[in-house]
Amino acid sequence: MSKAGKRLIEAAREAVAIARGDSKPARLHAFPDVDVKAVRGKLAFSQEEFAAAFGFTPNQIRDWEQGRSRPLGGNRAYLTIIERDPKAVVAMLKARPRAGKNAA
């Protein structure tokens, strides 16, 4: 049996154990949705300025704000940090050495 097949069988066994109450499901922390437009508005940045300041593309910002897509995973976590302390994020990004500088 393949490695993937073994993992699928193990996952099915785990699901049965959880359904029977013999095991507890794993917990997953998901960051809540972020209102990108509100975060950007608080900083008084245009979409282009916000994208450039924090490493997004203007298209991502537009899509998130217009509801065509939403930030997921690491982007959602990063936006949550920006929302809570944008000055600290900007300071960290400015302090980060650029690629190629001081390279050995």
Protein backbone atom coordinates (compact mmCIF):
# COMPACT_ATOMS: atom_id res chain seq x y z
CA MET A 1 0.00 0.00 0.00
CA SER A 2 1.24 3.50 -0.79
CA LYS A 3 2.18 6.04 1.85
CA ALA A 4 -0.83 8.17 0.87
CA GLY A 5 -3.14 5.16 1.18
CA LYS A 6 -1.84 4.44 4.68
CA ARG A 7 -2.42 8.06 5.69
CA LEU A 8 -6.00 7.95 4.36
CA ILE A 9 -6.75 4.78 6.33
CA GLU A 10 -5.24 6.30 9.47
CA ALA A 11 -7.32 9.46 8.96
CA ALA A 12 -10.48 7.37 8.60
CA ARG A 13 -9.65 5.50 11.82
CA GLU A 14 -9.10 8.80 13.60
CA ALA A 15 -12.46 10.12 12.34
CA VAL A 16 -14.23 7.01 13.63
CA ALA A 17 -12.52 7.37 17.05
CA ILE A 18 -13.61 11.02 17.25
CA ALA A 19 -17.19 10.13 16.25
CA ARG A 20 -17.31 7.42 18.96
CA GLY A 21 -15.94 9.82 21.56
CA ASP A 22 -12.76 7.79 22.05
CA SER A 23 -10.57 10.67 20.86
CA LYS A 24 -10.81 14.46 20.78
CA PRO A 25 -10.44 16.40 17.51
CA ALA A 26 -7.43 18.63 17.01
CA ARG A 27 -7.98 22.33 17.51
CA LEU A 28 -7.26 24.79 14.77
CA HIS A 29 -6.91 28.51 15.36
CA ALA A 30 -8.22 30.56 12.47
CA PHE A 31 -7.79 34.31 12.44
CA PRO A 32 -11.07 36.18 11.99
CA ASP A 33 -11.78 37.94 8.72
CA VAL A 34 -10.06 41.29 8.36
CA ASP A 35 -11.77 44.38 6.97
CA VAL A 36 -8.90 45.42 4.72
CA LYS A 37 -10.58 48.65 3.65
CA ALA A 38 -11.04 49.71 7.29
CA VAL A 39 -7.41 48.90 8.15
CA ARG A 40 -6.20 50.84 5.10
CA GLY A 41 -8.57 53.71 5.87
CA LYS A 42 -7.28 53.99 9.43
CA LEU A 43 -3.82 54.58 7.98
CA ALA A 44 -5.13 57.00 5.32
CA PHE A 45 -3.31 55.06 2.57
CA SER A 46 -4.50 54.63 -0.97
CA GLN A 47 -4.76 51.05 -2.20
CA GLU A 48 -1.45 51.46 -4.02
CA GLU A 49 0.30 52.97 -0.97
CA PHE A 50 -0.98 50.23 1.33
CA ALA A 51 0.09 47.51 -1.11
CA ALA A 52 3.57 49.01 -1.52
CA ALA A 53 4.07 49.63 2.21
CA PHE A 54 3.21 46.07 3.25
CA GLY A 55 4.23 43.93 0.29
CA PHE A 56 0.89 43.21 -1.33
CA THR A 57 -0.17 43.86 -4.89
CA PRO A 58 -2.75 46.55 -5.65
CA ASN A 59 -4.88 43.84 -7.28
CA GLN A 60 -4.93 41.83 -4.03
CA ILE A 61 -6.10 44.89 -2.10
CA ARG A 62 -8.82 45.66 -4.65
CA ASP A 63 -10.03 42.05 -4.74
CA TRP A 64 -10.18 41.82 -0.94
CA GLU A 65 -11.96 45.15 -0.56
CA GLN A 66 -14.49 44.42 -3.30
CA GLY A 67 -15.23 40.92 -1.98
CA ARG A 68 -13.93 39.04 -5.03
CA SER A 69 -11.57 37.13 -2.74
CA ARG A 70 -10.45 37.29 0.86
CA PRO A 71 -7.08 37.09 2.55
CA LEU A 72 -6.26 33.59 3.76
CA GLY A 73 -3.65 31.98 5.98
CA GLY A 74 -0.51 34.00 6.43
CA ASN A 75 -1.96 37.07 4.69
CA ARG A 76 -4.86 37.15 7.14
CA ALA A 77 -2.48 36.82 10.09
CA TYR A 78 -0.20 39.53 8.66
CA LEU A 79 -3.16 41.89 8.14
CA THR A 80 -4.26 41.27 11.73
CA ILE A 81 -0.81 42.33 12.93
CA ILE A 82 -0.89 45.40 10.67
CA GLU A 83 -4.32 46.27 12.05
CA ARG A 84 -3.12 46.05 15.66
CA ASP A 85 0.24 47.84 15.33
CA PRO A 86 0.96 49.26 11.88
CA LYS A 87 3.80 51.50 13.10
CA ALA A 88 5.70 48.51 14.48
CA VAL A 89 5.27 46.60 11.21
CA VAL A 90 6.53 49.56 9.18
CA ALA A 91 9.51 49.95 11.53
CA MET A 92 10.37 46.24 11.24
CA LEU A 93 10.12 46.32 7.46
CA LYS A 94 12.39 49.38 7.25
CA ALA A 95 14.94 47.82 9.63
CA ARG A 96 15.17 44.58 7.66
CA PRO A 97 18.38 44.34 5.65
CA ARG A 98 17.80 44.20 1.91
CA ALA A 99 18.89 41.25 -0.19
CA GLY A 100 22.35 41.72 -1.59
CA LYS A 101 23.50 44.17 1.07
CA ASN A 102 26.24 42.93 3.34
CA ALA A 103 26.20 39.64 1.48
CA ALA A 104 29.33 37.56 1.84
